[in-house]
């Protein structure tokens, strides 16, 4: 009689099955990692837009509250530039130049937003009429300025109103 040898190795079919299973697991990990990176990028973009928007709203609110008078826009009018008279008679302006919001005085111009954030449709509306204190409504659209995939596309429309104290 012939002896049957006990083969401890893998057959070709077993090798193919194990290789396929390992490939499926590895591709699952890679897909999961790519989704995590994509979500991280999207959250970064949203955070950048929110931070710049908050910065614009905070600075405009602070400057209007500190102002002695609103020069432009006139009462009941709308403008893309806010010109305010500060105590002491100095004038300051806030405007959007090349989609970057800038704060300007006679001796200084500084960016309020970064180059990655685009501010469009910046509008100042003086809601006051007659002898009331000036009340400015600010509206704008903030978006991330990086062309490319969906994870870098985000915009939000913002609006606030603030009055002179």
N, C-alpha and C. Protein backbone atom coordinates (compact mmCIF):
# COMPACT_ATOMS: atom_id res chain seq x y z
N UNK A 1 0.80 -1.17 0.00
CA UNK A 1 0.00 0.00 0.00
C UNK A 1 0.85 1.25 0.00
N UNK A 2 0.27 2.22 -0.61
CA UNK A 2 0.97 3.49 -0.73
C UNK A 2 0.59 4.40 0.42
N UNK A 3 1.57 5.05 0.95
CA UNK A 3 1.33 5.96 2.06
C UNK A 3 0.90 7.33 1.55
N UNK A 4 -0.09 7.92 2.20
CA UNK A 4 -0.53 9.27 1.83
C UNK A 4 0.25 10.24 2.70
N UNK A 5 0.89 11.18 2.00
CA UNK A 5 1.67 12.18 2.72
C UNK A 5 0.75 13.28 3.23
N UNK A 6 1.03 13.74 4.43
CA UNK A 6 0.25 14.84 5.03
C UNK A 6 0.92 16.15 4.62
N UNK A 7 0.32 16.84 3.63
CA UNK A 7 0.87 18.13 3.16
C UNK A 7 0.42 19.24 4.09
N UNK A 8 1.36 19.95 4.62
CA UNK A 8 1.05 21.04 5.54
C UNK A 8 1.02 22.39 4.83
N UNK A 9 1.32 22.48 3.57
CA UNK A 9 1.36 23.74 2.83
C UNK A 9 -0.03 24.16 2.36
N UNK A 10 -0.07 25.30 1.69
CA UNK A 10 -1.33 25.84 1.17
C UNK A 10 -1.49 25.43 -0.28
N UNK A 11 -2.71 25.18 -0.64
CA UNK A 11 -2.99 24.90 -2.04
C UNK A 11 -3.10 26.23 -2.77
N UNK A 12 -3.12 26.18 -4.07
CA UNK A 12 -3.23 27.38 -4.89
C UNK A 12 -4.54 28.11 -4.61
N UNK A 13 -5.62 27.39 -4.44
CA UNK A 13 -6.93 28.00 -4.17
C UNK A 13 -6.91 28.72 -2.83
N UNK A 14 -6.34 28.11 -1.81
CA UNK A 14 -6.25 28.76 -0.50
C UNK A 14 -5.41 30.04 -0.59
N UNK A 15 -4.32 29.99 -1.31
CA UNK A 15 -3.46 31.16 -1.47
C UNK A 15 -4.21 32.30 -2.15
N UNK A 16 -4.96 32.00 -3.19
CA UNK A 16 -5.74 33.03 -3.90
C UNK A 16 -6.80 33.62 -2.97
N UNK A 17 -7.49 32.80 -2.20
CA UNK A 17 -8.53 33.28 -1.29
C UNK A 17 -7.93 34.18 -0.21
N UNK A 18 -6.83 33.76 0.40
CA UNK A 18 -6.20 34.57 1.44
C UNK A 18 -5.67 35.89 0.88
N UNK A 19 -5.09 35.85 -0.30
CA UNK A 19 -4.59 37.07 -0.95
C UNK A 19 -5.74 38.03 -1.24
N UNK A 20 -6.86 37.51 -1.71
CA UNK A 20 -8.03 38.35 -2.00
C UNK A 20 -8.57 38.98 -0.72
N UNK A 21 -8.66 38.20 0.36
CA UNK A 21 -9.14 38.74 1.63
C UNK A 21 -8.21 39.83 2.17
N UNK A 22 -6.93 39.61 2.09
CA UNK A 22 -5.97 40.63 2.55
C UNK A 22 -6.09 41.88 1.69
N UNK A 23 -6.27 41.71 0.38
CA UNK A 23 -6.45 42.86 -0.52
C UNK A 23 -7.69 43.66 -0.19
N UNK A 24 -8.78 42.97 0.13
CA UNK A 24 -10.03 43.66 0.50
C UNK A 24 -9.85 44.45 1.79
N UNK A 25 -9.19 43.85 2.77
CA UNK A 25 -8.97 44.55 4.04
C UNK A 25 -8.07 45.77 3.84
N UNK A 26 -7.00 45.63 3.07
CA UNK A 26 -6.09 46.75 2.83
C UNK A 26 -6.80 47.87 2.07
N UNK A 27 -7.58 47.52 1.04
CA UNK A 27 -8.29 48.57 0.29
C UNK A 27 -9.34 49.25 1.17
N UNK A 28 -9.93 48.52 2.11
CA UNK A 28 -10.86 49.14 3.06
C UNK A 28 -10.16 50.16 3.95
N UNK A 29 -8.98 49.81 4.44
CA UNK A 29 -8.20 50.75 5.26
C UNK A 29 -7.80 51.98 4.46
N UNK A 30 -7.40 51.79 3.21
CA UNK A 30 -7.00 52.92 2.37
C UNK A 30 -8.18 53.83 2.10
N UNK A 31 -9.34 53.26 1.77
CA UNK A 31 -10.54 54.07 1.54
C UNK A 31 -10.92 54.86 2.78
N UNK A 32 -10.88 54.22 3.92
CA UNK A 32 -11.20 54.88 5.19
C UNK A 32 -10.23 56.03 5.44
N UNK A 33 -8.95 55.81 5.19
CA UNK A 33 -7.95 56.86 5.39
C UNK A 33 -8.19 58.04 4.47
N UNK A 34 -8.55 57.77 3.22
CA UNK A 34 -8.82 58.86 2.27
C UNK A 34 -10.04 59.67 2.69
N UNK A 35 -11.06 59.03 3.20
CA UNK A 35 -12.25 59.74 3.68
C UNK A 35 -11.88 60.62 4.87
N UNK A 36 -11.07 60.11 5.77
CA UNK A 36 -10.65 60.89 6.95
C UNK A 36 -9.87 62.13 6.51
N UNK A 37 -8.94 61.98 5.56
CA UNK A 37 -8.16 63.12 5.07
C UNK A 37 -9.07 64.14 4.39
N UNK A 38 -10.03 63.66 3.61
CA UNK A 38 -10.97 64.56 2.94
C UNK A 38 -11.79 65.35 3.94
N UNK A 39 -12.28 64.69 4.97
CA UNK A 39 -13.07 65.38 6.00
C UNK A 39 -12.21 66.37 6.79
N UNK A 40 -10.96 66.03 7.01
CA UNK A 40 -10.05 66.94 7.70
C UNK A 40 -9.86 68.21 6.88
N UNK A 41 -9.68 68.05 5.57
CA UNK A 41 -9.52 69.21 4.69
C UNK A 41 -10.79 70.07 4.67
N UNK A 42 -11.94 69.42 4.59
CA UNK A 42 -13.21 70.16 4.57
C UNK A 42 -13.40 70.94 5.87
N UNK A 43 -13.10 70.32 7.00
CA UNK A 43 -13.22 71.01 8.29
C UNK A 43 -12.25 72.18 8.38
N UNK A 44 -11.05 72.03 7.83
CA UNK A 44 -10.09 73.13 7.82
C UNK A 44 -10.64 74.31 7.02
N UNK A 45 -11.21 74.04 5.86
CA UNK A 45 -11.77 75.09 5.01
C UNK A 45 -12.90 75.81 5.73
N UNK A 46 -13.80 75.06 6.34
CA UNK A 46 -14.93 75.66 7.07
C UNK A 46 -14.41 76.51 8.22
N UNK A 47 -13.42 76.02 8.93
CA UNK A 47 -12.85 76.77 10.05
C UNK A 47 -12.21 78.07 9.58
N UNK A 48 -11.49 78.03 8.46
CA UNK A 48 -10.86 79.25 7.93
C UNK A 48 -11.91 80.29 7.54
N UNK A 49 -12.97 79.85 6.86
CA UNK A 49 -14.03 80.78 6.46
C UNK A 49 -14.71 81.36 7.69
N UNK A 50 -15.02 80.52 8.66
CA UNK A 50 -15.67 80.99 9.89
C UNK A 50 -14.80 81.98 10.66
N UNK A 51 -13.51 81.69 10.77
CA UNK A 51 -12.60 82.59 11.49
C UNK A 51 -12.49 83.95 10.81
N UNK A 52 -12.35 83.95 9.50
CA UNK A 52 -12.25 85.22 8.78
C UNK A 52 -13.56 85.99 8.86
N UNK A 53 -14.68 85.30 8.75
CA UNK A 53 -15.98 85.96 8.85
C UNK A 53 -16.17 86.58 10.22
N UNK A 54 -15.83 85.83 11.24
CA UNK A 54 -15.95 86.34 12.61
C UNK A 54 -15.04 87.55 12.81
N UNK A 55 -13.86 87.52 12.22
CA UNK A 55 -12.93 88.63 12.32
C UNK A 55 -13.51 89.89 11.68
N UNK A 56 -14.10 89.75 10.50
CA UNK A 56 -14.73 90.89 9.82
C UNK A 56 -15.86 91.44 10.68
N UNK A 57 -16.74 90.57 11.14
CA UNK A 57 -17.88 91.02 11.94
C UNK A 57 -17.43 91.71 13.23
N UNK A 58 -16.42 91.16 13.88
CA UNK A 58 -15.93 91.73 15.14
C UNK A 58 -15.30 93.10 14.93
N UNK A 59 -14.45 93.22 13.93
CA UNK A 59 -13.77 94.50 13.70
C UNK A 59 -14.75 95.58 13.26
N UNK A 60 -15.66 95.24 12.34
CA UNK A 60 -16.65 96.24 11.91
C UNK A 60 -17.51 96.67 13.09
N UNK A 61 -17.97 95.72 13.88
CA UNK A 61 -18.80 96.06 15.05
C UNK A 61 -18.04 96.95 16.02
N UNK A 62 -16.80 96.60 16.30
CA UNK A 62 -15.99 97.38 17.24
C UNK A 62 -15.77 98.80 16.72
N UNK A 63 -15.42 98.93 15.45
CA UNK A 63 -15.13 100.26 14.89
C UNK A 63 -16.38 101.12 14.83
N UNK A 64 -17.52 100.54 14.47
CA UNK A 64 -18.76 101.32 14.41
C UNK A 64 -19.15 101.77 15.82
N UNK A 65 -19.03 100.90 16.79
CA UNK A 65 -19.38 101.28 18.17
C UNK A 65 -18.48 102.38 18.70
N UNK A 66 -17.22 102.40 18.27
CA UNK A 66 -16.27 103.42 18.71
C UNK A 66 -16.40 104.73 17.93
N UNK A 67 -17.09 104.70 16.80
CA UNK A 67 -17.17 105.87 15.92
C UNK A 67 -18.01 106.98 16.54
N UNK A 68 -17.66 108.20 16.14
CA UNK A 68 -18.44 109.36 16.54
C UNK A 68 -19.57 109.59 15.54
N UNK A 69 -19.30 109.30 14.25
CA UNK A 69 -20.31 109.49 13.21
C UNK A 69 -20.01 108.59 12.02
N UNK A 70 -21.05 108.29 11.25
CA UNK A 70 -20.91 107.55 10.01
C UNK A 70 -20.92 108.58 8.88
N UNK A 71 -19.87 108.60 8.08
CA UNK A 71 -19.81 109.53 6.96
C UNK A 71 -20.46 108.91 5.73
N UNK A 72 -20.13 107.66 5.46
CA UNK A 72 -20.71 106.96 4.31
C UNK A 72 -20.94 105.51 4.71
N UNK A 73 -22.07 104.94 4.40
CA UNK A 73 -23.18 105.47 3.60
C UNK A 73 -24.03 106.46 4.41
N UNK A 74 -24.67 107.36 3.69
CA UNK A 74 -25.56 108.33 4.33
C UNK A 74 -26.78 107.60 4.87
N UNK A 75 -27.53 108.26 5.72
CA UNK A 75 -28.73 107.65 6.32
C UNK A 75 -29.67 107.17 5.22
N UNK A 76 -30.08 105.92 5.32
CA UNK A 76 -30.98 105.32 4.34
C UNK A 76 -30.30 104.84 3.06
N UNK A 77 -28.99 105.02 2.95
CA UNK A 77 -28.27 104.66 1.72
C UNK A 77 -27.47 103.37 1.91
N UNK A 78 -26.96 102.86 0.79
CA UNK A 78 -26.16 101.64 0.75
C UNK A 78 -24.84 101.95 0.06
N UNK A 79 -23.76 101.31 0.52
CA UNK A 79 -22.45 101.52 -0.08
C UNK A 79 -21.59 100.28 0.12
N UNK A 80 -20.57 100.15 -0.73
CA UNK A 80 -19.62 99.05 -0.56
C UNK A 80 -18.44 99.47 0.31
N UNK A 81 -18.42 100.75 0.72
CA UNK A 81 -17.35 101.27 1.58
C UNK A 81 -17.99 101.91 2.80
N UNK A 82 -17.47 101.59 3.96
CA UNK A 82 -17.92 102.22 5.21
C UNK A 82 -16.85 103.23 5.61
N UNK A 83 -17.26 104.50 5.72
CA UNK A 83 -16.35 105.55 6.17
C UNK A 83 -16.90 106.09 7.47
N UNK A 84 -16.06 106.04 8.51
CA UNK A 84 -16.50 106.48 9.84
C UNK A 84 -15.58 107.57 10.36
N UNK A 85 -16.14 108.43 11.18
CA UNK A 85 -15.36 109.46 11.85
C UNK A 85 -15.16 109.01 13.29
N UNK A 86 -13.91 108.91 13.66
CA UNK A 86 -13.57 108.47 15.01
C UNK A 86 -13.49 109.69 15.92
N UNK A 87 -13.43 109.46 17.22
CA UNK A 87 -13.25 110.59 18.13
C UNK A 87 -11.91 111.25 17.82
N UNK A 88 -11.88 112.55 17.85
CA UNK A 88 -10.67 113.27 17.48
C UNK A 88 -10.71 113.73 16.03
N UNK A 89 -11.75 113.34 15.29
CA UNK A 89 -11.92 113.80 13.91
C UNK A 89 -11.26 112.96 12.84
N UNK A 90 -10.47 111.96 13.20
CA UNK A 90 -9.82 111.11 12.20
C UNK A 90 -10.86 110.23 11.52
N UNK A 91 -10.66 109.98 10.23
CA UNK A 91 -11.59 109.10 9.51
C UNK A 91 -10.92 107.76 9.23
N UNK A 92 -11.75 106.74 9.18
CA UNK A 92 -11.32 105.38 8.87
C UNK A 92 -12.29 104.81 7.86
N UNK A 93 -11.82 103.83 7.10
CA UNK A 93 -12.71 103.18 6.15
C UNK A 93 -12.52 101.67 6.18
N UNK A 94 -13.59 100.98 5.84
CA UNK A 94 -13.55 99.52 5.70
C UNK A 94 -14.15 99.23 4.34
N UNK A 95 -13.40 98.47 3.53
CA UNK A 95 -13.86 98.16 2.18
C UNK A 95 -13.26 96.83 1.73
N UNK A 96 -13.75 96.36 0.61
CA UNK A 96 -13.24 95.13 0.01
C UNK A 96 -12.48 95.49 -1.26
N UNK A 97 -11.19 95.19 -1.27
CA UNK A 97 -10.36 95.45 -2.44
C UNK A 97 -9.81 94.10 -2.89
N UNK A 98 -10.12 93.73 -4.13
CA UNK A 98 -9.73 92.42 -4.66
C UNK A 98 -10.22 91.29 -3.77
N UNK A 99 -11.43 91.43 -3.24
CA UNK A 99 -12.08 90.43 -2.39
C UNK A 99 -11.37 90.19 -1.06
N UNK A 100 -10.56 91.14 -0.63
CA UNK A 100 -9.94 91.11 0.69
C UNK A 100 -10.43 92.34 1.44
N UNK A 101 -10.97 92.15 2.64
CA UNK A 101 -11.49 93.27 3.42
C UNK A 101 -10.32 93.99 4.07
N UNK A 102 -10.31 95.32 3.90
CA UNK A 102 -9.22 96.14 4.43
C UNK A 102 -9.77 97.23 5.33
N UNK A 103 -9.02 97.52 6.38
CA UNK A 103 -9.33 98.63 7.28
C UNK A 103 -8.26 99.68 7.05
N UNK A 104 -8.67 100.91 6.76
CA UNK A 104 -7.72 101.98 6.43
C UNK A 104 -7.94 103.21 7.28
N UNK A 105 -6.83 103.80 7.69
CA UNK A 105 -6.83 105.11 8.33
C UNK A 105 -5.93 105.99 7.47
N UNK A 106 -5.69 107.21 7.88
CA UNK A 106 -4.84 108.10 7.09
C UNK A 106 -3.40 107.59 7.02
N UNK A 107 -2.96 106.83 8.00
CA UNK A 107 -1.57 106.40 8.03
C UNK A 107 -1.38 104.88 7.91
N UNK A 108 -2.45 104.12 7.85
CA UNK A 108 -2.32 102.67 7.95
C UNK A 108 -3.41 101.98 7.14
N UNK A 109 -3.03 100.93 6.44
CA UNK A 109 -4.00 100.04 5.79
C UNK A 109 -3.62 98.62 6.18
N UNK A 110 -4.60 97.89 6.71
CA UNK A 110 -4.31 96.51 7.09
C UNK A 110 -5.43 95.60 6.61
N UNK A 111 -5.03 94.38 6.25
CA UNK A 111 -5.99 93.37 5.81
C UNK A 111 -6.72 92.81 7.02
N UNK A 112 -8.02 92.67 6.88
CA UNK A 112 -8.82 92.02 7.93
C UNK A 112 -8.94 90.54 7.62
N UNK A 113 -8.97 90.20 6.34
CA UNK A 113 -9.08 88.79 5.93
C UNK A 113 -7.79 88.35 5.26
N UNK A 114 -7.59 87.04 5.20
CA UNK A 114 -6.39 86.48 4.58
C UNK A 114 -6.61 86.31 3.08
N UNK A 115 -5.55 85.96 2.39
CA UNK A 115 -5.62 85.76 0.95
C UNK A 115 -6.36 84.50 0.54
N UNK A 116 -6.56 83.57 1.46
CA UNK A 116 -7.26 82.33 1.12
C UNK A 116 -8.78 82.49 1.15
N UNK A 117 -9.24 83.53 1.81
CA UNK A 117 -10.68 83.74 1.96
C UNK A 117 -11.10 84.89 1.05
N UNK A 118 -12.15 84.65 0.30
CA UNK A 118 -12.68 85.65 -0.62
C UNK A 118 -13.95 86.24 -0.03
N UNK A 119 -13.98 87.55 0.10
CA UNK A 119 -15.17 88.25 0.60
C UNK A 119 -15.80 88.96 -0.59
N UNK A 120 -17.01 88.57 -0.91
CA UNK A 120 -17.71 89.20 -2.04
C UNK A 120 -19.03 89.77 -1.56
N UNK A 121 -19.60 90.61 -2.40
CA UNK A 121 -20.90 91.24 -2.12
C UNK A 121 -20.90 91.96 -0.77
N UNK A 122 -19.81 92.64 -0.44
CA UNK A 122 -19.73 93.40 0.80
C UNK A 122 -20.58 94.66 0.66
N UNK A 123 -21.59 94.77 1.51
CA UNK A 123 -22.52 95.90 1.44
C UNK A 123 -22.77 96.44 2.84
N UNK A 124 -22.65 97.76 2.96
CA UNK A 124 -22.98 98.47 4.19
C UNK A 124 -24.26 99.26 3.92
N UNK A 125 -25.24 99.10 4.79
CA UNK A 125 -26.52 99.78 4.63
C UNK A 125 -26.79 100.56 5.91
N UNK A 126 -26.95 101.87 5.78
CA UNK A 126 -27.25 102.71 6.94
C UNK A 126 -28.75 102.67 7.14
N UNK A 127 -29.19 101.98 8.17
CA UNK A 127 -30.61 101.76 8.42
C UNK A 127 -31.29 102.94 9.11
N UNK A 128 -30.53 103.95 9.50
CA UNK A 128 -31.07 105.08 10.24
C UNK A 128 -31.81 106.05 9.32
N UNK A 129 -32.70 106.79 9.93
CA UNK A 129 -33.38 107.86 9.20
C UNK A 129 -33.60 109.01 10.16
N UNK A 130 -33.56 110.21 9.64
CA UNK A 130 -33.81 111.38 10.47
C UNK A 130 -32.76 111.58 11.54
N UNK A 131 -33.21 111.88 12.77
CA UNK A 131 -32.31 112.21 13.86
C UNK A 131 -31.84 111.03 14.69
N UNK A 132 -32.09 109.81 14.23
CA UNK A 132 -31.66 108.62 14.98
C UNK A 132 -30.15 108.45 14.93
N UNK A 133 -29.64 107.68 15.88
CA UNK A 133 -28.23 107.30 15.82
C UNK A 133 -28.03 106.40 14.61
N UNK A 134 -26.84 106.47 14.03
CA UNK A 134 -26.55 105.64 12.87
C UNK A 134 -26.54 104.17 13.26
N UNK A 135 -27.15 103.36 12.40
CA UNK A 135 -27.25 101.92 12.59
C UNK A 135 -26.85 101.28 11.26
N UNK A 136 -25.75 100.55 11.26
CA UNK A 136 -25.20 99.98 10.03
C UNK A 136 -25.49 98.49 9.96
N UNK A 137 -26.03 98.07 8.80
CA UNK A 137 -26.18 96.63 8.53
C UNK A 137 -25.08 96.24 7.55
N UNK A 138 -24.39 95.17 7.88
CA UNK A 138 -23.30 94.65 7.06
C UNK A 138 -23.72 93.29 6.53
N UNK A 139 -23.61 93.10 5.22
CA UNK A 139 -23.85 91.78 4.62
C UNK A 139 -22.69 91.45 3.68
N UNK A 140 -22.32 90.19 3.64
CA UNK A 140 -21.27 89.75 2.72
C UNK A 140 -21.31 88.24 2.57
N UNK A 141 -20.60 87.76 1.57
CA UNK A 141 -20.44 86.33 1.33
C UNK A 141 -18.96 86.01 1.49
N UNK A 142 -18.67 85.02 2.32
CA UNK A 142 -17.29 84.58 2.54
C UNK A 142 -17.13 83.19 1.95
N UNK A 143 -16.07 82.99 1.19
CA UNK A 143 -15.83 81.67 0.59
C UNK A 143 -14.34 81.38 0.56
N UNK A 144 -14.02 80.10 0.48
CA UNK A 144 -12.63 79.68 0.39
C UNK A 144 -12.19 79.83 -1.05
N UNK A 145 -11.01 80.35 -1.28
CA UNK A 145 -10.57 80.76 -2.60
C UNK A 145 -9.70 79.73 -3.31
N UNK A 146 -9.71 78.51 -2.91
CA UNK A 146 -8.85 77.49 -3.50
C UNK A 146 -9.66 76.67 -4.50
N UNK A 147 -9.35 76.78 -5.80
CA UNK A 147 -10.09 75.96 -6.76
C UNK A 147 -9.68 74.49 -6.62
N UNK A 148 -10.56 73.62 -7.00
CA UNK A 148 -10.23 72.21 -6.91
C UNK A 148 -11.43 71.37 -6.55
N UNK A 149 -11.19 70.38 -5.74
CA UNK A 149 -12.23 69.42 -5.41
C UNK A 149 -13.28 69.99 -4.47
N UNK A 150 -14.33 69.21 -4.24
CA UNK A 150 -15.44 69.65 -3.40
C UNK A 150 -15.04 69.97 -1.97
N UNK A 151 -14.02 69.30 -1.47
CA UNK A 151 -13.64 69.54 -0.09
C UNK A 151 -13.10 70.96 0.13
N UNK A 152 -12.69 71.62 -0.95
CA UNK A 152 -12.20 73.00 -0.83
C UNK A 152 -13.25 74.03 -1.22
N UNK A 153 -14.48 73.61 -1.39
CA UNK A 153 -15.56 74.53 -1.75
C UNK A 153 -16.45 74.76 -0.54
N UNK A 154 -16.50 76.00 -0.09
CA UNK A 154 -17.38 76.33 1.03
C UNK A 154 -17.61 77.83 1.01
N UNK A 155 -18.86 78.23 1.21
CA UNK A 155 -19.17 79.64 1.34
C UNK A 155 -20.33 79.81 2.28
N UNK A 156 -20.38 81.00 2.88
CA UNK A 156 -21.49 81.32 3.76
C UNK A 156 -21.85 82.78 3.60
N UNK A 157 -23.12 83.08 3.75
CA UNK A 157 -23.63 84.45 3.69
C UNK A 157 -23.85 84.92 5.11
N UNK A 158 -23.34 86.11 5.41
CA UNK A 158 -23.44 86.63 6.77
C UNK A 158 -24.05 88.02 6.77
N UNK A 159 -24.65 88.34 7.90
CA UNK A 159 -25.28 89.64 8.07
C UNK A 159 -25.30 89.99 9.55
N UNK A 160 -25.07 91.25 9.84
CA UNK A 160 -25.18 91.75 11.20
C UNK A 160 -25.54 93.23 11.14
N UNK A 161 -25.98 93.75 12.25
CA UNK A 161 -26.26 95.18 12.36
C UNK A 161 -25.65 95.68 13.65
N UNK A 162 -25.14 96.90 13.59
CA UNK A 162 -24.50 97.49 14.77
C UNK A 162 -24.74 99.00 14.74
N UNK A 163 -24.93 99.56 15.93
CA UNK A 163 -25.23 100.99 16.04
C UNK A 163 -24.11 101.72 16.76
N UNK A 164 -24.00 102.99 16.46
CA UNK A 164 -23.06 103.85 17.18
C UNK A 164 -23.55 103.98 18.61
N UNK A 165 -22.62 104.01 19.55
CA UNK A 165 -23.02 104.17 20.96
C UNK A 165 -23.18 105.61 21.32
